[in-house]
Structure formats: C-alpha cells, structure tokens
PDB file of all heavy atoms in Angstrom:
ATOM      1  N   ASN A   1       1.317  24.194  21.109  1.00  0.00           N
ATOM      2  CA  ASN A   1       1.463  24.246  22.554  1.00  0.00           C
ATOM      3  C   ASN A   1       1.934  25.599  23.039  1.00  0.00           C
ATOM      4  O   ASN A   1       2.188  26.524  22.257  1.00  0.00           O
ATOM      5  CB  ASN A   1       2.322  23.034  23.033  1.00  0.00           C
ATOM      6  CG  ASN A   1       3.744  23.141  22.569  1.00  0.00           C
ATOM      7  OD1 ASN A   1       4.285  24.235  22.210  1.00  0.00           O
ATOM      8  ND2 ASN A   1       4.532  21.991  22.613  1.00  0.00           N
ATOM      9  N   GLN A   2       2.159  25.669  24.408  1.00  0.00           N
ATOM     10  CA  GLN A   2       2.579  26.956  24.958  1.00  0.00           C
ATOM     11  C   GLN A   2       3.960  27.489  24.536  1.00  0.00           C
ATOM     12  O   GLN A   2       4.252  28.621  24.653  1.00  0.00           O
ATOM     13  CB  GLN A   2       2.550  26.795  26.532  1.00  0.00           C
ATOM     14  CG  GLN A   2       1.143  26.477  27.047  1.00  0.00           C
ATOM     15  CD  GLN A   2       1.139  26.297  28.532  1.00  0.00           C
ATOM     16  OE1 GLN A   2       2.178  26.374  29.174  1.00  0.00           O
ATOM     17  NE2 GLN A   2       0.033  25.956  29.029  1.00  0.00           N
ATOM     18  N   LYS A   3       4.819  26.548  23.993  1.00  0.00           N
ATOM     19  CA  LYS A   3       6.092  27.024  23.452  1.00  0.00           C
ATOM     20  C   LYS A   3       6.055  27.245  21.964  1.00  0.00           C
ATOM     21  O   LYS A   3       7.152  27.584  21.325  1.00  0.00           O
ATOM     22  CB  LYS A   3       7.192  25.856  23.731  1.00  0.00           C
ATOM     23  CG  LYS A   3       7.379  25.578  25.206  1.00  0.00           C
ATOM     24  CD  LYS A   3       8.440  24.499  25.454  1.00  0.00           C
ATOM     25  CE  LYS A   3       8.710  24.318  26.923  1.00  0.00           C
ATOM     26  NZ  LYS A   3       9.717  23.262  27.111  1.00  0.00           N
ATOM     27  N   GLY A   4       4.914  27.179  21.345  1.00  0.00           N
ATOM     28  CA  GLY A   4       4.813  27.507  19.888  1.00  0.00           C
ATOM     29  C   GLY A   4       5.057  26.275  19.007  1.00  0.00           C
ATOM     30  O   GLY A   4       5.052  26.392  17.735  1.00  0.00           O
ATOM     31  N   LYS A   5       5.308  25.111  19.602  1.00  0.00           N
ATOM     32  CA  LYS A   5       5.556  23.943  18.824  1.00  0.00           C
ATOM     33  C   LYS A   5       4.334  23.187  18.489  1.00  0.00           C
ATOM     34  O   LYS A   5       3.380  23.239  19.276  1.00  0.00           O
ATOM     35  CB  LYS A   5       6.577  22.974  19.500  1.00  0.00           C
ATOM     36  CG  LYS A   5       7.962  23.664  19.684  1.00  0.00           C
ATOM     37  CD  LYS A   5       8.952  22.649  20.383  1.00  0.00           C
ATOM     38  CE  LYS A   5      10.334  23.265  20.506  1.00  0.00           C
ATOM     39  NZ  LYS A   5      11.250  22.369  21.188  1.00  0.00           N
ATOM     40  N   VAL A   6       4.335  22.433  17.378  1.00  0.00           N
ATOM     41  CA  VAL A   6       3.154  21.587  16.981  1.00  0.00           C
ATOM     42  C   VAL A   6       3.123  20.308  17.813  1.00  0.00           C
ATOM     43  O   VAL A   6       4.055  19.533  17.625  1.00  0.00           O
ATOM     44  CB  VAL A   6       3.101  21.387  15.514  1.00  0.00           C
ATOM     45  CG1 VAL A   6       1.943  20.452  15.139  1.00  0.00           C
ATOM     46  CG2 VAL A   6       2.933  22.637  14.708  1.00  0.00           C
ATOM     47  N   GLU A   7       2.130  20.147  18.648  1.00  0.00           N
ATOM     48  CA  GLU A   7       2.104  18.995  19.585  1.00  0.00           C
ATOM     49  C   GLU A   7       1.292  17.910  18.865  1.00  0.00           C
ATOM     50  O   GLU A   7       1.506  16.682  19.165  1.00  0.00           O
ATOM     51  CB  GLU A   7       1.387  19.373  20.866  1.00  0.00           C
ATOM     52  CG  GLU A   7       1.553  18.450  21.991  1.00  0.00           C
ATOM     53  CD  GLU A   7       1.147  19.003  23.263  1.00  0.00           C
ATOM     54  OE1 GLU A   7       1.900  19.839  23.887  1.00  0.00           O
ATOM     55  OE2 GLU A   7       0.029  18.675  23.779  1.00  0.00           O
ATOM     56  N   GLN A   8       0.362  18.259  18.088  1.00  0.00           N
ATOM     57  CA  GLN A   8      -0.501  17.291  17.373  1.00  0.00           C
ATOM     58  C   GLN A   8      -1.025  17.866  16.083  1.00  0.00           C
ATOM     59  O   GLN A   8      -1.351  19.055  15.950  1.00  0.00           O
ATOM     60  CB  GLN A   8      -1.652  16.931  18.395  1.00  0.00           C
ATOM     61  CG  GLN A   8      -2.469  15.704  17.918  1.00  0.00           C
ATOM     62  CD  GLN A   8      -3.534  15.348  19.015  1.00  0.00           C
ATOM     63  OE1 GLN A   8      -3.552  15.925  20.096  1.00  0.00           O
ATOM     64  NE2 GLN A   8      -4.391  14.413  18.690  1.00  0.00           N
ATOM     65  N   ALA A   9      -1.299  16.974  15.069  1.00  0.00           N
ATOM     66  CA  ALA A   9      -1.933  17.435  13.828  1.00  0.00           C
ATOM     67  C   ALA A   9      -2.899  16.358  13.398  1.00  0.00           C
ATOM     68  O   ALA A   9      -2.603  15.126  13.450  1.00  0.00           O
ATOM     69  CB  ALA A   9      -0.862  17.642  12.789  1.00  0.00           C
ATOM     70  N   LYS A  10      -4.095  16.763  13.016  1.00  0.00           N
ATOM     71  CA  LYS A  10      -5.130  15.843  12.575  1.00  0.00           C
ATOM     72  C   LYS A  10      -5.631  16.252  11.252  1.00  0.00           C
ATOM     73  O   LYS A  10      -5.814  17.481  11.002  1.00  0.00           O
ATOM     74  CB  LYS A  10      -6.299  15.810  13.633  1.00  0.00           C
ATOM     75  CG  LYS A  10      -5.945  15.368  15.014  1.00  0.00           C
ATOM     76  CD  LYS A  10      -7.160  15.419  15.944  1.00  0.00           C
ATOM     77  CE  LYS A  10      -6.818  14.957  17.306  1.00  0.00           C
ATOM     78  NZ  LYS A  10      -8.039  15.034  18.210  1.00  0.00           N
ATOM     79  N   ILE A  11      -6.038  15.304  10.338  1.00  0.00           N
ATOM     80  CA  ILE A  11      -6.655  15.644   9.085  1.00  0.00           C
ATOM     81  C   ILE A  11      -8.078  15.776   9.290  1.00  0.00           C
ATOM     82  O   ILE A  11      -8.873  14.922   9.816  1.00  0.00           O
ATOM     83  CB  ILE A  11      -6.364  14.432   8.098  1.00  0.00           C
ATOM     84  CG1 ILE A  11      -4.867  14.379   7.832  1.00  0.00           C
ATOM     85  CG2 ILE A  11      -7.134  14.694   6.866  1.00  0.00           C
ATOM     86  CD1 ILE A  11      -4.490  13.239   6.907  1.00  0.00           C
ATOM     87  N   VAL A  12      -8.544  16.999   8.939  1.00  0.00           N
ATOM     88  CA  VAL A  12      -9.956  17.363   8.967  1.00  0.00           C
ATOM     89  C   VAL A  12     -10.665  16.895   7.713  1.00  0.00           C
ATOM     90  O   VAL A  12     -11.749  16.412   7.606  1.00  0.00           O
ATOM     91  CB  VAL A  12     -10.237  18.827   9.160  1.00  0.00           C
ATOM     92  CG1 VAL A  12     -11.670  19.191   9.178  1.00  0.00           C
ATOM     93  CG2 VAL A  12      -9.598  19.222  10.507  1.00  0.00           C
ATOM     94  N   GLU A  13      -9.991  17.179   6.552  1.00  0.00           N
ATOM     95  CA  GLU A  13     -10.510  16.867   5.263  1.00  0.00           C
ATOM     96  C   GLU A  13      -9.320  16.388   4.388  1.00  0.00           C
ATOM     97  O   GLU A  13      -8.357  17.082   4.160  1.00  0.00           O
ATOM     98  CB  GLU A  13     -11.148  18.050   4.546  1.00  0.00           C
ATOM     99  CG  GLU A  13     -11.837  17.715   3.204  1.00  0.00           C
ATOM    100  CD  GLU A  13     -12.628  18.789   2.628  1.00  0.00           C
ATOM    101  OE1 GLU A  13     -13.123  19.681   3.455  1.00  0.00           O
ATOM    102  OE2 GLU A  13     -12.919  18.745   1.380  1.00  0.00           O
ATOM    103  N   SER A  14      -9.429  15.142   3.929  1.00  0.00           N
ATOM    104  CA  SER A  14      -8.377  14.495   3.189  1.00  0.00           C
ATOM    105  C   SER A  14      -8.309  14.996   1.746  1.00  0.00           C
ATOM    106  O   SER A  14      -9.365  15.428   1.240  1.00  0.00           O
ATOM    107  CB  SER A  14      -8.521  12.947   3.164  1.00  0.00           C
ATOM    108  OG  SER A  14      -7.653  12.330   2.258  1.00  0.00           O
ATOM    109  N   SER A  15      -7.198  14.930   1.134  1.00  0.00           N
ATOM    110  CA  SER A  15      -6.931  15.268  -0.276  1.00  0.00           C
ATOM    111  C   SER A  15      -7.509  14.176  -1.129  1.00  0.00           C
ATOM    112  O   SER A  15      -7.752  14.359  -2.361  1.00  0.00           O
ATOM    113  CB  SER A  15      -5.529  15.445  -0.629  1.00  0.00           C
ATOM    114  OG  SER A  15      -4.813  14.294  -0.376  1.00  0.00           O
ATOM    115  N   GLY A  16      -7.708  13.031  -0.518  1.00  0.00           N
ATOM    116  CA  GLY A  16      -8.053  11.787  -1.301  1.00  0.00           C
ATOM    117  C   GLY A  16      -6.822  10.972  -1.717  1.00  0.00           C
ATOM    118  O   GLY A  16      -7.027   9.903  -2.281  1.00  0.00           O
ATOM    119  N   TYR A  17      -5.720  11.389  -1.374  1.00  0.00           N
ATOM    120  CA  TYR A  17      -4.436  10.727  -1.700  1.00  0.00           C
ATOM    121  C   TYR A  17      -3.570  10.553  -0.447  1.00  0.00           C
ATOM    122  O   TYR A  17      -3.244  11.539   0.198  1.00  0.00           O
ATOM    123  CB  TYR A  17      -3.646  11.465  -2.698  1.00  0.00           C
ATOM    124  CG  TYR A  17      -4.325  11.624  -4.087  1.00  0.00           C
ATOM    125  CD1 TYR A  17      -5.029  12.788  -4.360  1.00  0.00           C
ATOM    126  CD2 TYR A  17      -4.383  10.546  -5.013  1.00  0.00           C
ATOM    127  CE1 TYR A  17      -5.703  12.908  -5.579  1.00  0.00           C
ATOM    128  CE2 TYR A  17      -5.111  10.686  -6.258  1.00  0.00           C
ATOM    129  CZ  TYR A  17      -5.789  11.861  -6.457  1.00  0.00           C
ATOM    130  OH  TYR A  17      -6.412  12.021  -7.648  1.00  0.00           O
ATOM    131  N   LYS A  18      -3.236   9.359  -0.142  1.00  0.00           N
ATOM    132  CA  LYS A  18      -2.479   9.082   1.180  1.00  0.00           C
ATOM    133  C   LYS A  18      -1.177   9.804   1.102  1.00  0.00           C
ATOM    134  O   LYS A  18      -0.722  10.384   2.062  1.00  0.00           O
ATOM    135  CB  LYS A  18      -2.260   7.613   1.296  1.00  0.00           C
ATOM    136  CG  LYS A  18      -1.510   7.224   2.605  1.00  0.00           C
ATOM    137  CD  LYS A  18      -1.392   5.698   2.724  1.00  0.00           C
ATOM    138  CE  LYS A  18      -0.637   5.318   4.060  1.00  0.00           C
ATOM    139  NZ  LYS A  18      -0.465   3.891   4.138  1.00  0.00           N
ATOM    140  N   VAL A  19      -0.480   9.823  -0.060  1.00  0.00           N
ATOM    141  CA  VAL A  19       0.857  10.445  -0.170  1.00  0.00           C
ATOM    142  C   VAL A  19       0.804  11.905   0.093  1.00  0.00           C
ATOM    143  O   VAL A  19       1.753  12.478   0.741  1.00  0.00           O
ATOM    144  CB  VAL A  19       1.441  10.123  -1.597  1.00  0.00           C
ATOM    145  CG1 VAL A  19       0.637  10.813  -2.662  1.00  0.00           C
ATOM    146  CG2 VAL A  19       2.912  10.585  -1.648  1.00  0.00           C
ATOM    147  N   LEU A  20      -0.302  12.605  -0.302  1.00  0.00           N
ATOM    148  CA  LEU A  20      -0.347  14.109  -0.045  1.00  0.00           C
ATOM    149  C   LEU A  20      -0.774  14.321   1.450  1.00  0.00           C
ATOM    150  O   LEU A  20      -0.271  15.247   2.057  1.00  0.00           O
ATOM    151  CB  LEU A  20      -1.461  14.673  -0.998  1.00  0.00           C
ATOM    152  CG  LEU A  20      -1.160  14.733  -2.454  1.00  0.00           C
ATOM    153  CD1 LEU A  20      -2.108  15.492  -3.196  1.00  0.00           C
ATOM    154  CD2 LEU A  20       0.323  15.203  -2.773  1.00  0.00           C
ATOM    155  N   ASP A  21      -1.597  13.427   1.966  1.00  0.00           N
ATOM    156  CA  ASP A  21      -2.068  13.627   3.375  1.00  0.00           C
ATOM    157  C   ASP A  21      -0.794  13.429   4.280  1.00  0.00           C
ATOM    158  O   ASP A  21      -0.629  14.200   5.207  1.00  0.00           O
ATOM    159  CB  ASP A  21      -3.088  12.591   3.734  1.00  0.00           C
ATOM    160  CG  ASP A  21      -4.457  12.851   3.036  1.00  0.00           C
ATOM    161  OD1 ASP A  21      -4.601  13.924   2.470  1.00  0.00           O
ATOM    162  OD2 ASP A  21      -5.330  11.907   3.107  1.00  0.00           O
ATOM    163  N   GLU A  22      -0.008  12.440   4.027  1.00  0.00           N
ATOM    164  CA  GLU A  22       1.218  12.171   4.820  1.00  0.00           C
ATOM    165  C   GLU A  22       2.155  13.362   4.665  1.00  0.00           C
ATOM    166  O   GLU A  22       2.839  13.724   5.679  1.00  0.00           O
ATOM    167  CB  GLU A  22       1.847  10.853   4.424  1.00  0.00           C
ATOM    168  CG  GLU A  22       1.038   9.632   4.835  1.00  0.00           C
ATOM    169  CD  GLU A  22       1.614   8.322   4.360  1.00  0.00           C
ATOM    170  OE1 GLU A  22       2.609   8.437   3.536  1.00  0.00           O
ATOM    171  OE2 GLU A  22       1.210   7.305   4.863  1.00  0.00           O
ATOM    172  N   ALA A  23       2.351  13.885   3.508  1.00  0.00           N
ATOM    173  CA  ALA A  23       3.229  15.038   3.275  1.00  0.00           C
ATOM    174  C   ALA A  23       2.742  16.241   4.080  1.00  0.00           C
ATOM    175  O   ALA A  23       3.553  16.987   4.656  1.00  0.00           O
ATOM    176  CB  ALA A  23       3.344  15.302   1.811  1.00  0.00           C
ATOM    177  N   ALA A  24       1.431  16.447   4.116  1.00  0.00           N
ATOM    178  CA  ALA A  24       0.884  17.608   4.874  1.00  0.00           C
ATOM    179  C   ALA A  24       1.107  17.482   6.352  1.00  0.00           C
ATOM    180  O   ALA A  24       1.471  18.377   7.062  1.00  0.00           O
ATOM    181  CB  ALA A  24      -0.635  17.740   4.538  1.00  0.00           C
ATOM    182  N   LEU A  25       0.956  16.202   6.934  1.00  0.00           N
ATOM    183  CA  LEU A  25       1.182  15.958   8.353  1.00  0.00           C
ATOM    184  C   LEU A  25       2.617  16.177   8.672  1.00  0.00           C
ATOM    185  O   LEU A  25       2.993  16.714   9.709  1.00  0.00           O
ATOM    186  CB  LEU A  25       0.772  14.524   8.739  1.00  0.00           C
ATOM    187  CG  LEU A  25      -0.814  14.320   8.679  1.00  0.00           C
ATOM    188  CD1 LEU A  25      -1.112  12.857   8.877  1.00  0.00           C
ATOM    189  CD2 LEU A  25      -1.455  15.119   9.877  1.00  0.00           C
ATOM    190  N   GLU A  26       3.548  15.636   7.835  1.00  0.00           N
ATOM    191  CA  GLU A  26       4.951  15.868   8.051  1.00  0.00           C
ATOM    192  C   GLU A  26       5.388  17.338   8.056  1.00  0.00           C
ATOM    193  O   GLU A  26       6.128  17.817   8.929  1.00  0.00           O
ATOM    194  CB  GLU A  26       5.808  15.103   7.027  1.00  0.00           C
ATOM    195  CG  GLU A  26       7.254  15.250   7.219  1.00  0.00           C
ATOM    196  CD  GLU A  26       8.026  14.582   6.101  1.00  0.00           C
ATOM    197  OE1 GLU A  26       7.423  14.134   5.071  1.00  0.00           O
ATOM    198  OE2 GLU A  26       9.351  14.581   6.156  1.00  0.00           O
ATOM    199  N   TYR A  27       4.772  18.086   7.095  1.00  0.00           N
ATOM    200  CA  TYR A  27       5.043  19.530   7.052  1.00  0.00           C
ATOM    201  C   TYR A  27       4.601  20.246   8.273  1.00  0.00           C
ATOM    202  O   TYR A  27       5.249  21.016   8.889  1.00  0.00           O
ATOM    203  CB  TYR A  27       4.344  20.006   5.726  1.00  0.00           C
ATOM    204  CG  TYR A  27       4.124  21.509   5.702  1.00  0.00           C
ATOM    205  CD1 TYR A  27       5.132  22.388   5.691  1.00  0.00           C
ATOM    206  CD2 TYR A  27       2.803  21.999   5.745  1.00  0.00           C
ATOM    207  CE1 TYR A  27       4.935  23.778   5.579  1.00  0.00           C
ATOM    208  CE2 TYR A  27       2.623  23.415   5.738  1.00  0.00           C
ATOM    209  CZ  TYR A  27       3.653  24.305   5.692  1.00  0.00           C
ATOM    210  OH  TYR A  27       3.454  25.633   5.501  1.00  0.00           O
ATOM    211  N   ALA A  28       3.376  19.838   8.776  1.00  0.00           N
ATOM    212  CA  ALA A  28       2.726  20.525   9.927  1.00  0.00           C
ATOM    213  C   ALA A  28       3.620  20.349  11.146  1.00  0.00           C
ATOM    214  O   ALA A  28       3.715  21.241  12.033  1.00  0.00           O
ATOM    215  CB  ALA A  28       1.379  19.983  10.183  1.00  0.00           C
ATOM    216  N   SER A  29       4.245  19.116  11.272  1.00  0.00           N
ATOM    217  CA  SER A  29       5.052  18.823  12.411  1.00  0.00           C
ATOM    218  C   SER A  29       6.313  19.717  12.551  1.00  0.00           C
ATOM    219  O   SER A  29       6.850  19.867  13.642  1.00  0.00           O
ATOM    220  CB  SER A  29       5.470  17.381  12.354  1.00  0.00           C
ATOM    221  OG  SER A  29       6.400  17.089  11.385  1.00  0.00           O
TER     222      SER A  29
END
C-alpha cells in the first residue's frame, strides 16, 4: 500500500505443501 505495508498476499503458484504456503504468506505479511 501507499505506506509501504503489505495489505494483501495471494499465492500464485503453490509449493505443493500447505505448511510451506502458510509460512510464505506469514512471512509476506
């Protein structure tokens, strides 16, 4: 967003593992 904070994160291509996908989303936030 305009303040440089992550407002939203979407998975474009999954790793194939839910645990890694969730870790990536948490990291992005």
